[in-house]
PDB file of N, CA and C in Angstrom:
ATOM      1  N   UNK A   1      33.246  35.266  -8.159  1.00  0.00           N
ATOM      2  CA  UNK A   1      32.464  35.818  -7.076  1.00  0.00           C
ATOM      3  C   UNK A   1      30.982  35.894  -7.465  1.00  0.00           C
ATOM      4  N   UNK A   2      30.710  36.356  -8.677  1.00  0.00           N
ATOM      5  CA  UNK A   2      29.326  36.476  -9.117  1.00  0.00           C
ATOM      6  C   UNK A   2      28.686  35.096  -9.237  1.00  0.00           C
ATOM      7  N   UNK A   3      29.499  34.106  -9.629  1.00  0.00           N
ATOM      8  CA  UNK A   3      28.989  32.742  -9.738  1.00  0.00           C
ATOM      9  C   UNK A   3      28.503  32.237  -8.382  1.00  0.00           C
ATOM     10  N   UNK A   4      29.291  32.436  -7.313  1.00  0.00           N
ATOM     11  CA  UNK A   4      28.913  31.965  -5.972  1.00  0.00           C
ATOM     12  C   UNK A   4      27.715  32.732  -5.426  1.00  0.00           C
ATOM     13  N   UNK A   5      27.617  33.994  -5.757  1.00  0.00           N
ATOM     14  CA  UNK A   5      26.458  34.780  -5.349  1.00  0.00           C
ATOM     15  C   UNK A   5      25.199  34.235  -6.032  1.00  0.00           C
ATOM     16  N   UNK A   6      25.330  33.903  -7.309  1.00  0.00           N
ATOM     17  CA  UNK A   6      24.210  33.325  -8.059  1.00  0.00           C
ATOM     18  C   UNK A   6      23.811  31.961  -7.478  1.00  0.00           C
ATOM     19  N   UNK A   7      24.791  31.114  -7.183  1.00  0.00           N
ATOM     20  CA  UNK A   7      24.518  29.783  -6.603  1.00  0.00           C
ATOM     21  C   UNK A   7      23.860  29.932  -5.232  1.00  0.00           C
ATOM     22  N   UNK A   8      24.326  30.868  -4.427  1.00  0.00           N
ATOM     23  CA  UNK A   8      23.734  31.116  -3.102  1.00  0.00           C
ATOM     24  C   UNK A   8      22.276  31.542  -3.226  1.00  0.00           C
ATOM     25  N   UNK A   9      21.994  32.422  -4.176  1.00  0.00           N
ATOM     26  CA  UNK A   9      20.623  32.881  -4.374  1.00  0.00           C
ATOM     27  C   UNK A   9      19.709  31.729  -4.793  1.00  0.00           C
ATOM     28  N   UNK A  10      20.194  30.869  -5.675  1.00  0.00           N
ATOM     29  CA  UNK A  10      19.413  29.709  -6.127  1.00  0.00           C
ATOM     30  C   UNK A  10      19.149  28.766  -4.957  1.00  0.00           C
ATOM     31  N   UNK A  11      20.162  28.526  -4.145  1.00  0.00           N
ATOM     32  CA  UNK A  11      19.990  27.633  -2.988  1.00  0.00           C
ATOM     33  C   UNK A  11      18.995  28.200  -1.981  1.00  0.00           C
ATOM     34  N   UNK A  12      19.041  29.490  -1.752  1.00  0.00           N
ATOM     35  CA  UNK A  12      18.092  30.108  -0.823  1.00  0.00           C
ATOM     36  C   UNK A  12      16.664  30.021  -1.342  1.00  0.00           C
ATOM     37  N   UNK A  13      16.497  30.135  -2.647  1.00  0.00           N
ATOM     38  CA  UNK A  13      15.159  30.024  -3.219  1.00  0.00           C
ATOM     39  C   UNK A  13      14.658  28.590  -3.194  1.00  0.00           C
ATOM     40  N   UNK A  14      15.576  27.639  -3.190  1.00  0.00           N
ATOM     41  CA  UNK A  14      15.187  26.233  -3.205  1.00  0.00           C
ATOM     42  C   UNK A  14      14.730  25.733  -1.835  1.00  0.00           C
ATOM     43  N   UNK A  15      15.097  26.444  -0.762  1.00  0.00           N
ATOM     44  CA  UNK A  15      14.698  26.024   0.587  1.00  0.00           C
ATOM     45  C   UNK A  15      13.211  26.319   0.759  1.00  0.00           C
ATOM     46  N   UNK A  16      12.426  25.319   1.115  1.00  0.00           N
ATOM     47  CA  UNK A  16      10.992  25.554   1.268  1.00  0.00           C
ATOM     48  C   UNK A  16      10.704  26.438   2.478  1.00  0.00           C
ATOM     49  N   UNK A  17       9.744  27.287   2.300  1.00  0.00           N
ATOM     50  CA  UNK A  17       9.321  28.152   3.401  1.00  0.00           C
ATOM     51  C   UNK A  17       8.435  27.348   4.334  1.00  0.00           C
ATOM     52  N   UNK A  18       8.728  27.420   5.608  1.00  0.00           N
ATOM     53  CA  UNK A  18       7.894  26.678   6.558  1.00  0.00           C
ATOM     54  C   UNK A  18       6.822  27.608   7.101  1.00  0.00           C
ATOM     55  N   UNK A  19       5.616  27.221   6.893  1.00  0.00           N
ATOM     56  CA  UNK A  19       4.490  28.017   7.364  1.00  0.00           C
ATOM     57  C   UNK A  19       3.879  27.328   8.577  1.00  0.00           C
ATOM     58  N   UNK A  20       3.814  28.048   9.661  1.00  0.00           N
ATOM     59  CA  UNK A  20       3.198  27.486  10.855  1.00  0.00           C
ATOM     60  C   UNK A  20       1.804  28.082  11.012  1.00  0.00           C
ATOM     61  N   UNK A  21       0.887  27.232  11.340  1.00  0.00           N
ATOM     62  CA  UNK A  21      -0.488  27.679  11.534  1.00  0.00           C
ATOM     63  C   UNK A  21      -0.631  28.103  12.990  1.00  0.00           C
ATOM     64  N   UNK A  22      -1.083  29.323  13.224  1.00  0.00           N
ATOM     65  CA  UNK A  22      -1.266  29.745  14.608  1.00  0.00           C
ATOM     66  C   UNK A  22      -2.386  28.943  15.265  1.00  0.00           C
ATOM     67  N   UNK A  23      -2.262  28.711  16.547  1.00  0.00           N
ATOM     68  CA  UNK A  23      -3.289  27.969  17.270  1.00  0.00           C
ATOM     69  C   UNK A  23      -3.851  28.822  18.398  1.00  0.00           C
ATOM     70  N   UNK A  24      -5.052  28.477  18.796  1.00  0.00           N
ATOM     71  CA  UNK A  24      -5.728  29.181  19.876  1.00  0.00           C
ATOM     72  C   UNK A  24      -5.830  28.259  21.081  1.00  0.00           C
ATOM     73  N   UNK A  25      -5.420  28.752  22.237  1.00  0.00           N
ATOM     74  CA  UNK A  25      -5.539  27.979  23.482  1.00  0.00           C
ATOM     75  C   UNK A  25      -7.002  27.943  23.906  1.00  0.00           C
ATOM     76  N   UNK A  26      -7.448  26.783  24.328  1.00  0.00           N
ATOM     77  CA  UNK A  26      -8.792  26.628  24.874  1.00  0.00           C
ATOM     78  C   UNK A  26      -8.656  26.036  26.278  1.00  0.00           C
ATOM     79  N   UNK A  27      -9.529  26.408  27.210  1.00  0.00           N
ATOM     80  CA  UNK A  27      -9.378  25.959  28.598  1.00  0.00           C
ATOM     81  C   UNK A  27      -9.903  24.551  28.884  1.00  0.00           C
ATOM     82  N   UNK A  28     -10.641  23.950  27.952  1.00  0.00           N
ATOM     83  CA  UNK A  28     -11.242  22.638  28.218  1.00  0.00           C
ATOM     84  C   UNK A  28     -10.979  21.698  27.044  1.00  0.00           C
ATOM     85  N   UNK A  29     -10.496  20.492  27.368  1.00  0.00           N
ATOM     86  CA  UNK A  29     -10.312  19.448  26.351  1.00  0.00           C
ATOM     87  C   UNK A  29     -11.511  18.514  26.404  1.00  0.00           C
ATOM     88  N   UNK A  30     -12.005  18.143  25.238  1.00  0.00           N
ATOM     89  CA  UNK A  30     -13.100  17.178  25.145  1.00  0.00           C
ATOM     90  C   UNK A  30     -12.471  15.848  24.737  1.00  0.00           C
ATOM     91  N   UNK A  31     -12.585  14.875  25.627  1.00  0.00           N
ATOM     92  CA  UNK A  31     -11.959  13.574  25.421  1.00  0.00           C
ATOM     93  C   UNK A  31     -13.012  12.489  25.514  1.00  0.00           C
ATOM     94  N   UNK A  32     -12.994  11.579  24.565  1.00  0.00           N
ATOM     95  CA  UNK A  32     -13.882  10.423  24.614  1.00  0.00           C
ATOM     96  C   UNK A  32     -13.102   9.283  25.245  1.00  0.00           C
ATOM     97  N   UNK A  33     -13.724   8.638  26.229  1.00  0.00           N
ATOM     98  CA  UNK A  33     -13.070   7.550  26.965  1.00  0.00           C
ATOM     99  C   UNK A  33     -13.911   6.285  26.848  1.00  0.00           C
ATOM    100  N   UNK A  34     -13.221   5.173  26.626  1.00  0.00           N
ATOM    101  CA  UNK A  34     -13.872   3.877  26.491  1.00  0.00           C
ATOM    102  C   UNK A  34     -13.307   2.927  27.543  1.00  0.00           C
ATOM    103  N   UNK A  35     -14.199   2.311  28.319  1.00  0.00           N
ATOM    104  CA  UNK A  35     -13.828   1.223  29.220  1.00  0.00           C
ATOM    105  C   UNK A  35     -14.136  -0.058  28.456  1.00  0.00           C
ATOM    106  N   UNK A  36     -13.113  -0.780  28.044  1.00  0.00           N
ATOM    107  CA  UNK A  36     -13.293  -1.972  27.214  1.00  0.00           C
ATOM    108  C   UNK A  36     -13.944  -3.122  27.972  1.00  0.00           C
ATOM    109  N   UNK A  37     -13.840  -3.136  29.285  1.00  0.00           N
ATOM    110  CA  UNK A  37     -14.412  -4.225  30.079  1.00  0.00           C
ATOM    111  C   UNK A  37     -15.937  -4.113  30.168  1.00  0.00           C
ATOM    112  N   UNK A  38     -16.435  -2.875  30.295  1.00  0.00           N
ATOM    113  CA  UNK A  38     -17.877  -2.667  30.459  1.00  0.00           C
ATOM    114  C   UNK A  38     -18.532  -2.087  29.205  1.00  0.00           C
ATOM    115  N   UNK A  39     -17.733  -1.756  28.199  1.00  0.00           N
ATOM    116  CA  UNK A  39     -18.201  -1.109  26.969  1.00  0.00           C
ATOM    117  C   UNK A  39     -18.823   0.257  27.249  1.00  0.00           C
ATOM    118  N   UNK A  40     -18.428   0.871  28.334  1.00  0.00           N
ATOM    119  CA  UNK A  40     -18.925   2.202  28.691  1.00  0.00           C
ATOM    120  C   UNK A  40     -18.106   3.254  27.946  1.00  0.00           C
ATOM    121  N   UNK A  41     -18.797   4.146  27.251  1.00  0.00           N
ATOM    122  CA  UNK A  41     -18.162   5.254  26.544  1.00  0.00           C
ATOM    123  C   UNK A  41     -18.657   6.544  27.177  1.00  0.00           C
ATOM    124  N   UNK A  42     -17.730   7.412  27.523  1.00  0.00           N
ATOM    125  CA  UNK A  42     -18.088   8.703  28.108  1.00  0.00           C
ATOM    126  C   UNK A  42     -17.349   9.808  27.388  1.00  0.00           C
ATOM    127  N   UNK A  43     -18.003  10.964  27.276  1.00  0.00           N
ATOM    128  CA  UNK A  43     -17.334  12.144  26.767  1.00  0.00           C
ATOM    129  C   UNK A  43     -16.989  13.004  27.976  1.00  0.00           C
ATOM    130  N   UNK A  44     -15.698  13.230  28.165  1.00  0.00           N
ATOM    131  CA  UNK A  44     -15.207  13.942  29.329  1.00  0.00           C
ATOM    132  C   UNK A  44     -14.790  15.357  28.958  1.00  0.00           C
ATOM    133  N   UNK A  45     -15.251  16.339  29.708  1.00  0.00           N
ATOM    134  CA  UNK A  45     -14.785  17.718  29.573  1.00  0.00           C
ATOM    135  C   UNK A  45     -13.762  17.928  30.679  1.00  0.00           C
ATOM    136  N   UNK A  46     -12.498  18.025  30.303  1.00  0.00           N
ATOM    137  CA  UNK A  46     -11.425  18.108  31.293  1.00  0.00           C
ATOM    138  C   UNK A  46     -10.759  19.479  31.206  1.00  0.00           C
ATOM    139  N   UNK A  47     -10.891  20.295  32.256  1.00  0.00           N
ATOM    140  CA  UNK A  47     -10.210  21.592  32.267  1.00  0.00           C
ATOM    141  C   UNK A  47      -8.685  21.400  32.298  1.00  0.00           C
ATOM    142  N   UNK A  48      -7.976  22.322  31.669  1.00  0.00           N
ATOM    143  CA  UNK A  48      -6.519  22.280  31.634  1.00  0.00           C
ATOM    144  C   UNK A  48      -5.982  22.360  33.057  1.00  0.00           C
ATOM    145  N   UNK A  49      -5.007  21.509  33.360  1.00  0.00           N
ATOM    146  CA  UNK A  49      -4.283  21.460  34.642  1.00  0.00           C
ATOM    147  C   UNK A  49      -5.145  20.982  35.816  1.00  0.00           C
ATOM    148  N   UNK A  50      -6.299  20.388  35.545  1.00  0.00           N
ATOM    149  CA  UNK A  50      -7.138  19.841  36.611  1.00  0.00           C
ATOM    150  C   UNK A  50      -7.332  18.347  36.352  1.00  0.00           C
ATOM    151  N   UNK A  51      -6.654  17.495  37.135  1.00  0.00           N
ATOM    152  CA  UNK A  51      -6.753  16.048  36.911  1.00  0.00           C
ATOM    153  C   UNK A  51      -8.185  15.538  37.060  1.00  0.00           C
ATOM    154  N   UNK A  52      -8.519  14.537  36.245  1.00  0.00           N
ATOM    155  CA  UNK A  52      -9.844  13.917  36.300  1.00  0.00           C
ATOM    156  C   UNK A  52      -9.649  12.408  36.328  1.00  0.00           C
ATOM    157  N   UNK A  53     -10.409  11.740  37.190  1.00  0.00           N
ATOM    158  CA  UNK A  53     -10.295  10.290  37.329  1.00  0.00           C
ATOM    159  C   UNK A  53     -11.335   9.611  36.439  1.00  0.00           C
ATOM    160  N   UNK A  54     -10.883   8.615  35.664  1.00  0.00           N
ATOM    161  CA  UNK A  54     -11.756   7.762  34.861  1.00  0.00           C
ATOM    162  C   UNK A  54     -11.312   6.331  35.119  1.00  0.00           C
ATOM    163  N   UNK A  55     -12.112   5.577  35.830  1.00  0.00           N
ATOM    164  CA  UNK A  55     -11.722   4.225  36.228  1.00  0.00           C
ATOM    165  C   UNK A  55     -10.489   4.302  37.105  1.00  0.00           C
ATOM    166  N   UNK A  56      -9.452   3.574  36.723  1.00  0.00           N
ATOM    167  CA  UNK A  56      -8.201   3.629  37.480  1.00  0.00           C
ATOM    168  C   UNK A  56      -7.227   4.650  36.900  1.00  0.00           C
ATOM    169  N   UNK A  57      -7.640   5.376  35.866  1.00  0.00           N
ATOM    170  CA  UNK A  57      -6.775   6.365  35.221  1.00  0.00           C
ATOM    171  C   UNK A  57      -6.961   7.744  35.822  1.00  0.00           C
ATOM    172  N   UNK A  58      -5.869   8.488  35.921  1.00  0.00           N
ATOM    173  CA  UNK A  58      -5.914   9.894  36.279  1.00  0.00           C
ATOM    174  C   UNK A  58      -5.418  10.665  35.064  1.00  0.00           C
ATOM    175  N   UNK A  59      -6.310  11.465  34.468  1.00  0.00           N
ATOM    176  CA  UNK A  59      -6.025  12.168  33.216  1.00  0.00           C
ATOM    177  C   UNK A  59      -5.801  13.647  33.519  1.00  0.00           C
ATOM    178  N   UNK A  60      -4.661  14.170  33.074  1.00  0.00           N
ATOM    179  CA  UNK A  60      -4.359  15.593  33.241  1.00  0.00           C
ATOM    180  C   UNK A  60      -4.058  16.181  31.871  1.00  0.00           C
ATOM    181  N   UNK A  61      -4.793  17.221  31.511  1.00  0.00           N
ATOM    182  CA  UNK A  61      -4.568  17.930  30.249  1.00  0.00           C
ATOM    183  C   UNK A  61      -3.662  19.114  30.550  1.00  0.00           C
ATOM    184  N   UNK A  62      -2.552  19.205  29.858  1.00  0.00           N
ATOM    185  CA  UNK A  62      -1.610  20.315  30.065  1.00  0.00           C
ATOM    186  C   UNK A  62      -1.928  21.501  29.157  1.00  0.00           C
ATOM    187  N   UNK A  63      -2.385  21.235  27.947  1.00  0.00           N
ATOM    188  CA  UNK A  63      -2.793  22.300  27.036  1.00  0.00           C
ATOM    189  C   UNK A  63      -3.748  21.723  26.000  1.00  0.00           C
ATOM    190  N   UNK A  64      -4.632  22.558  25.491  1.00  0.00           N
ATOM    191  CA  UNK A  64      -5.550  22.159  24.432  1.00  0.00           C
ATOM    192  C   UNK A  64      -5.595  23.298  23.418  1.00  0.00           C
ATOM    193  N   UNK A  65      -5.333  22.973  22.167  1.00  0.00           N
ATOM    194  CA  UNK A  65      -5.229  24.007  21.135  1.00  0.00           C
ATOM    195  C   UNK A  65      -6.071  23.652  19.921  1.00  0.00           C
ATOM    196  N   UNK A  66      -6.640  24.676  19.312  1.00  0.00           N
ATOM    197  CA  UNK A  66      -7.411  24.520  18.077  1.00  0.00           C
ATOM    198  C   UNK A  66      -6.898  25.518  17.052  1.00  0.00           C
ATOM    199  N   UNK A  67      -7.140  25.207  15.790  1.00  0.00           N
ATOM    200  CA  UNK A  67      -6.778  26.143  14.733  1.00  0.00           C
ATOM    201  C   UNK A  67      -7.858  27.211  14.630  1.00  0.00           C
ATOM    202  N   UNK A  68      -7.508  28.385  14.106  1.00  0.00           N
ATOM    203  CA  UNK A  68      -8.515  29.435  13.919  1.00  0.00           C
ATOM    204  C   UNK A  68      -9.592  28.986  12.934  1.00  0.00           C
ATOM    205  N   UNK A  69     -10.749  29.627  12.972  1.00  0.00           N
ATOM    206  CA  UNK A  69     -11.862  29.225  12.100  1.00  0.00           C
ATOM    207  C   UNK A  69     -11.550  29.278  10.608  1.00  0.00           C
ATOM    208  N   UNK A  70     -10.645  30.136  10.191  1.00  0.00           N
ATOM    209  CA  UNK A  70     -10.346  30.248   8.759  1.00  0.00           C
ATOM    210  C   UNK A  70      -9.382  29.157   8.266  1.00  0.00           C
ATOM    211  N   UNK A  71      -8.825  28.370   9.180  1.00  0.00           N
ATOM    212  CA  UNK A  71      -7.914  27.280   8.816  1.00  0.00           C
ATOM    213  C   UNK A  71      -8.657  25.944   8.808  1.00  0.00           C
ATOM    214  N   UNK A  72      -7.983  24.894   8.327  1.00  0.00           N
ATOM    215  CA  UNK A  72      -8.541  23.547   8.369  1.00  0.00           C
ATOM    216  C   UNK A  72      -8.765  23.160   9.826  1.00  0.00           C
ATOM    217  N   UNK A  73      -9.949  22.658  10.176  1.00  0.00           N
ATOM    218  CA  UNK A  73     -10.226  22.346  11.581  1.00  0.00           C
ATOM    219  C   UNK A  73      -9.288  21.280  12.145  1.00  0.00           C
ATOM    220  N   UNK A  74      -8.720  21.572  13.301  1.00  0.00           N
ATOM    221  CA  UNK A  74      -7.861  20.628  14.001  1.00  0.00           C
ATOM    222  C   UNK A  74      -7.834  20.994  15.476  1.00  0.00           C
ATOM    223  N   UNK A  75      -7.826  19.991  16.304  1.00  0.00           N
ATOM    224  CA  UNK A  75      -7.684  20.177  17.746  1.00  0.00           C
ATOM    225  C   UNK A  75      -6.612  19.214  18.221  1.00  0.00           C
ATOM    226  N   UNK A  76      -5.803  19.677  19.149  1.00  0.00           N
ATOM    227  CA  UNK A  76      -4.742  18.848  19.710  1.00  0.00           C
ATOM    228  C   UNK A  76      -4.617  19.162  21.193  1.00  0.00           C
ATOM    229  N   UNK A  77      -4.303  18.150  21.962  1.00  0.00           N
ATOM    230  CA  UNK A  77      -4.137  18.330  23.405  1.00  0.00           C
ATOM    231  C   UNK A  77      -2.910  17.558  23.858  1.00  0.00           C
ATOM    232  N   UNK A  78      -2.173  18.169  24.793  1.00  0.00           N
ATOM    233  CA  UNK A  78      -1.057  17.464  25.421  1.00  0.00           C
ATOM    234  C   UNK A  78      -1.615  16.868  26.714  1.00  0.00           C
ATOM    235  N   UNK A  79      -1.522  15.556  26.817  1.00  0.00           N
ATOM    236  CA  UNK A  79      -2.185  14.835  27.907  1.00  0.00           C
ATOM    237  C   UNK A  79      -1.171  13.974  28.652  1.00  0.00           C
ATOM    238  N   UNK A  80      -1.349  13.913  29.961  1.00  0.00           N
ATOM    239  CA  UNK A  80      -0.587  13.000  30.809  1.00  0.00           C
ATOM    240  C   UNK A  80      -1.582  12.065  31.485  1.00  0.00           C
ATOM    241  N   UNK A  81      -1.329  10.776  31.415  1.00  0.00           N
ATOM    242  CA  UNK A  81      -2.230   9.783  32.003  1.00  0.00           C
ATOM    243  C   UNK A  81      -1.418   8.872  32.909  1.00  0.00           C
ATOM    244  N   UNK A  82      -1.926   8.683  34.118  1.00  0.00           N
ATOM    245  CA  UNK A  82      -1.316   7.755  35.062  1.00  0.00           C
ATOM    246  C   UNK A  82      -2.364   6.758  35.521  1.00  0.00           C
ATOM    247  N   UNK A  83      -1.906   5.585  35.937  1.00  0.00           N
ATOM    248  CA  UNK A  83      -2.836   4.564  36.430  1.00  0.00           C
ATOM    249  C   UNK A  83      -2.595   4.366  37.922  1.00  0.00           C
ATOM    250  N   UNK A  84      -3.685   4.356  38.673  1.00  0.00           N
ATOM    251  CA  UNK A  84      -3.612   4.218  40.119  1.00  0.00           C
ATOM    252  C   UNK A  84      -4.387   2.982  40.545  1.00  0.00           C
ATOM    253  N   UNK A  85      -3.653   1.961  40.991  1.00  0.00           N
ATOM    254  CA  UNK A  85      -4.273   0.738  41.484  1.00  0.00           C
ATOM    255  C   UNK A  85      -4.015   0.649  42.989  1.00  0.00           C
ATOM    256  N   UNK A  86      -5.016   0.222  43.762  1.00  0.00           N
ATOM    257  CA  UNK A  86      -4.829   0.122  45.210  1.00  0.00           C
ATOM    258  C   UNK A  86      -3.672  -0.817  45.564  1.00  0.00           C
ATOM    259  N   UNK A  87      -2.826  -0.359  46.463  1.00  0.00           N
ATOM    260  CA  UNK A  87      -1.711  -1.175  46.925  1.00  0.00           C
ATOM    261  C   UNK A  87      -0.520  -1.223  45.993  1.00  0.00           C
ATOM    262  N   UNK A  88      -0.573  -0.523  44.873  1.00  0.00           N
ATOM    263  CA  UNK A  88       0.537  -0.515  43.924  1.00  0.00           C
ATOM    264  C   UNK A  88       1.039   0.910  43.719  1.00  0.00           C
ATOM    265  N   UNK A  89       2.252   1.002  43.205  1.00  0.00           N
ATOM    266  CA  UNK A  89       2.834   2.299  42.902  1.00  0.00           C
ATOM    267  C   UNK A  89       2.144   2.908  41.676  1.00  0.00           C
ATOM    268  N   UNK A  90       1.990   4.223  41.680  1.00  0.00           N
ATOM    269  CA  UNK A  90       1.394   4.926  40.535  1.00  0.00           C
ATOM    270  C   UNK A  90       2.252   4.690  39.296  1.00  0.00           C
ATOM    271  N   UNK A  91       1.583   4.368  38.190  1.00  0.00           N
ATOM    272  CA  UNK A  91       2.287   4.039  36.956  1.00  0.00           C
ATOM    273  C   UNK A  91       1.928   5.032  35.857  1.00  0.00           C
ATOM    274  N   UNK A  92       2.922   5.725  35.264  1.00  0.00           N
ATOM    275  CA  UNK A  92       2.612   6.558  34.101  1.00  0.00           C
ATOM    276  C   UNK A  92       2.249   5.669  32.913  1.00  0.00           C
ATOM    277  N   UNK A  93       1.165   6.019  32.238  1.00  0.00           N
ATOM    278  CA  UNK A  93       0.673   5.217  31.123  1.00  0.00           C
ATOM    279  C   UNK A  93       0.932   5.908  29.788  1.00  0.00           C
ATOM    280  N   UNK A  94       0.757   7.227  29.755  1.00  0.00           N
ATOM    281  CA  UNK A  94       0.872   7.964  28.502  1.00  0.00           C
ATOM    282  C   UNK A  94       1.186   9.418  28.806  1.00  0.00           C
ATOM    283  N   UNK A  95       1.994  10.022  27.974  1.00  0.00           N
ATOM    284  CA  UNK A  95       2.145  11.479  27.960  1.00  0.00           C
ATOM    285  C   UNK A  95       2.534  11.884  26.555  1.00  0.00           C
ATOM    286  N   UNK A  96       1.820  12.850  26.022  1.00  0.00           N
ATOM    287  CA  UNK A  96       2.108  13.303  24.667  1.00  0.00           C
ATOM    288  C   UNK A  96       0.923  14.006  24.040  1.00  0.00           C
ATOM    289  N   UNK A  97       1.098  14.364  22.784  1.00  0.00           N
ATOM    290  CA  UNK A  97       0.063  15.063  22.031  1.00  0.00           C
ATOM    291  C   UNK A  97      -0.902  14.045  21.432  1.00  0.00           C
ATOM    292  N   UNK A  98      -2.179  14.373  21.500  1.00  0.00           N
ATOM    293  CA  UNK A  98      -3.215  13.616  20.790  1.00  0.00           C
ATOM    294  C   UNK A  98      -3.919  14.590  19.852  1.00  0.00           C
ATOM    295  N   UNK A  99      -4.191  14.123  18.630  1.00  0.00           N
ATOM    296  CA  UNK A  99      -4.814  14.965  17.614  1.00  0.00           C
ATOM    297  C   UNK A  99      -6.197  14.437  17.285  1.00  0.00           C
ATOM    298  N   UNK A 100      -7.173  15.343  17.219  1.00  0.00           N
ATOM    299  CA  UNK A 100      -8.553  14.945  16.949  1.00  0.00           C
ATOM    300  C   UNK A 100      -8.696  14.336  15.550  1.00  0.00           C
ATOM    301  N   UNK A 101      -7.975  14.855  14.575  1.00  0.00           N
ATOM    302  CA  UNK A 101      -8.133  14.373  13.200  1.00  0.00           C
ATOM    303  C   UNK A 101      -7.403  13.052  12.950  1.00  0.00           C
ATOM    304  N   UNK A 102      -6.450  12.702  13.810  1.00  0.00           N
ATOM    305  CA  UNK A 102      -5.673  11.467  13.636  1.00  0.00           C
ATOM    306  C   UNK A 102      -5.482  10.767  14.979  1.00  0.00           C
ATOM    307  N   UNK A 103      -6.523  10.137  15.502  1.00  0.00           N
ATOM    308  CA  UNK A 103      -6.398   9.528  16.826  1.00  0.00           C
ATOM    309  C   UNK A 103      -5.357   8.407  16.890  1.00  0.00           C
ATOM    310  N   UNK A 104      -5.099   7.731  15.791  1.00  0.00           N
ATOM    311  CA  UNK A 104      -4.128   6.632  15.803  1.00  0.00           C
ATOM    312  C   UNK A 104      -2.681   7.123  15.725  1.00  0.00           C
ATOM    313  N   UNK A 105      -2.485   8.394  15.413  1.00  0.00           N
ATOM    314  CA  UNK A 105      -1.139   8.939  15.275  1.00  0.00           C
ATOM    315  C   UNK A 105      -0.364   8.850  16.588  1.00  0.00           C
ATOM    316  N   UNK A 106      -1.021   9.161  17.678  1.00  0.00           N
ATOM    317  CA  UNK A 106      -0.394   9.106  18.998  1.00  0.00           C
ATOM    318  C   UNK A 106      -1.416   8.513  19.963  1.00  0.00           C
ATOM    319  N   UNK A 107      -1.589   7.224  19.892  1.00  0.00           N
ATOM    320  CA  UNK A 107      -2.631   6.558  20.688  1.00  0.00           C
ATOM    321  C   UNK A 107      -2.072   6.071  22.021  1.00  0.00           C
ATOM    322  N   UNK A 108      -2.948   6.065  23.016  1.00  0.00           N
ATOM    323  CA  UNK A 108      -2.593   5.500  24.307  1.00  0.00           C
ATOM    324  C   UNK A 108      -2.836   3.996  24.243  1.00  0.00           C
ATOM    325  N   UNK A 109      -1.820   3.210  24.551  1.00  0.00           N
ATOM    326  CA  UNK A 109      -1.972   1.757  24.533  1.00  0.00           C
ATOM    327  C   UNK A 109      -2.234   1.273  25.951  1.00  0.00           C
ATOM    328  N   UNK A 110      -3.425   0.749  26.171  1.00  0.00           N
ATOM    329  CA  UNK A 110      -3.810   0.254  27.487  1.00  0.00           C
ATOM    330  C   UNK A 110      -4.763  -0.924  27.288  1.00  0.00           C
ATOM    331  N   UNK A 111      -4.653  -1.985  28.081  1.00  0.00           N
ATOM    332  CA  UNK A 111      -5.510  -3.154  27.874  1.00  0.00           C
ATOM    333  C   UNK A 111      -6.981  -2.935  28.234  1.00  0.00           C
ATOM    334  N   UNK A 112      -7.271  -1.952  29.090  1.00  0.00           N
ATOM    335  CA  UNK A 112      -8.655  -1.763  29.548  1.00  0.00           C
ATOM    336  C   UNK A 112      -9.292  -0.492  29.006  1.00  0.00           C
ATOM    337  N   UNK A 113      -8.512   0.571  28.815  1.00  0.00           N
ATOM    338  CA  UNK A 113      -9.076   1.876  28.461  1.00  0.00           C
ATOM    339  C   UNK A 113      -8.537   2.384  27.133  1.00  0.00           C
ATOM    340  N   UNK A 114      -9.386   3.114  26.423  1.00  0.00           N
ATOM    341  CA  UNK A 114      -8.984   3.887  25.249  1.00  0.00           C
ATOM    342  C   UNK A 114      -9.385   5.329  25.497  1.00  0.00           C
ATOM    343  N   UNK A 115      -8.523   6.251  25.115  1.00  0.00           N
ATOM    344  CA  UNK A 115      -8.821   7.683  25.192  1.00  0.00           C
ATOM    345  C   UNK A 115      -8.483   8.307  23.854  1.00  0.00           C
ATOM    346  N   UNK A 116      -9.302   9.264  23.421  1.00  0.00           N
ATOM    347  CA  UNK A 116      -8.955  10.037  22.238  1.00  0.00           C
ATOM    348  C   UNK A 116      -9.589  11.410  22.333  1.00  0.00           C
ATOM    349  N   UNK A 117      -8.865  12.392  21.820  1.00  0.00           N
ATOM    350  CA  UNK A 117      -9.312  13.788  21.838  1.00  0.00           C
ATOM    351  C   UNK A 117     -10.323  13.982  20.720  1.00  0.00           C
ATOM    352  N   UNK A 118     -11.454  14.628  21.047  1.00  0.00           N
ATOM    353  CA  UNK A 118     -12.428  14.963  20.010  1.00  0.00           C
ATOM    354  C   UNK A 118     -12.488  16.460  19.755  1.00  0.00           C
ATOM    355  N   UNK A 119     -11.920  17.257  20.653  1.00  0.00           N
ATOM    356  CA  UNK A 119     -11.911  18.697  20.445  1.00  0.00           C
ATOM    357  C   UNK A 119     -11.491  19.459  21.683  1.00  0.00           C
ATOM    358  N   UNK A 120     -11.550  20.770  21.550  1.00  0.00           N
ATOM    359  CA  UNK A 120     -11.282  21.689  22.652  1.00  0.00           C
ATOM    360  C   UNK A 120     -12.414  22.701  22.649  1.00  0.00           C
ATOM    361  N   UNK A 121     -12.708  23.244  23.813  1.00  0.00           N
ATOM    362  CA  UNK A 121     -13.769  24.246  23.835  1.00  0.00           C
ATOM    363  C   UNK A 121     -13.530  25.285  24.898  1.00  0.00           C
ATOM    364  N   UNK A 122     -14.239  26.381  24.734  1.00  0.00           N
ATOM    365  CA  UNK A 122     -14.197  27.477  25.690  1.00  0.00           C
ATOM    366  C   UNK A 122     -15.235  27.199  26.771  1.00  0.00           C
ATOM    367  N   UNK A 123     -15.085  27.805  27.914  1.00  0.00           N
ATOM    368  CA  UNK A 123     -16.033  27.580  29.002  1.00  0.00           C
ATOM    369  C   UNK A 123     -17.457  27.995  28.619  1.00  0.00           C
ATOM    370  N   UNK A 124     -17.578  29.011  27.772  1.00  0.00           N
ATOM    371  CA  UNK A 124     -18.889  29.507  27.414  1.00  0.00           C
ATOM    372  C   UNK A 124     -19.628  28.600  26.427  1.00  0.00           C
ATOM    373  N   UNK A 125     -18.906  27.804  25.661  1.00  0.00           N
ATOM    374  CA  UNK A 125     -19.556  26.969  24.661  1.00  0.00           C
ATOM    375  C   UNK A 125     -20.116  25.691  25.300  1.00  0.00           C
ATOM    376  N   UNK A 126     -21.061  25.074  24.593  1.00  0.00           N
ATOM    377  CA  UNK A 126     -21.678  23.856  25.127  1.00  0.00           C
ATOM    378  C   UNK A 126     -21.268  22.661  24.316  1.00  0.00           C
TER     379      UNK A 126
END
């Protein structure tokens, strides 16, 4: 019995502790958008839950989160992107998390447009 108690204690100590970094919700996502056809680059301030049109894309940010100032800087946004072409059915292009520190981790693949998150901000900040 003591042997199994000892083995159980060792196994519990061997399990790594998972530490989650708390995040802060921000009301505005800052997204850089590139139109590959015209080489136009724009920085878009998109409020959460308010769709914004860029070319034929409709971009909706569902949430934008940043780490607290005492943690390693990181911003992430959950984004839904649809493409709207005249006379055609609306096509979903992308939905998922985009991270400011790793834009290639979850990139939107589109022949004409590139989007990537550069940060999140509060309404009061510029």
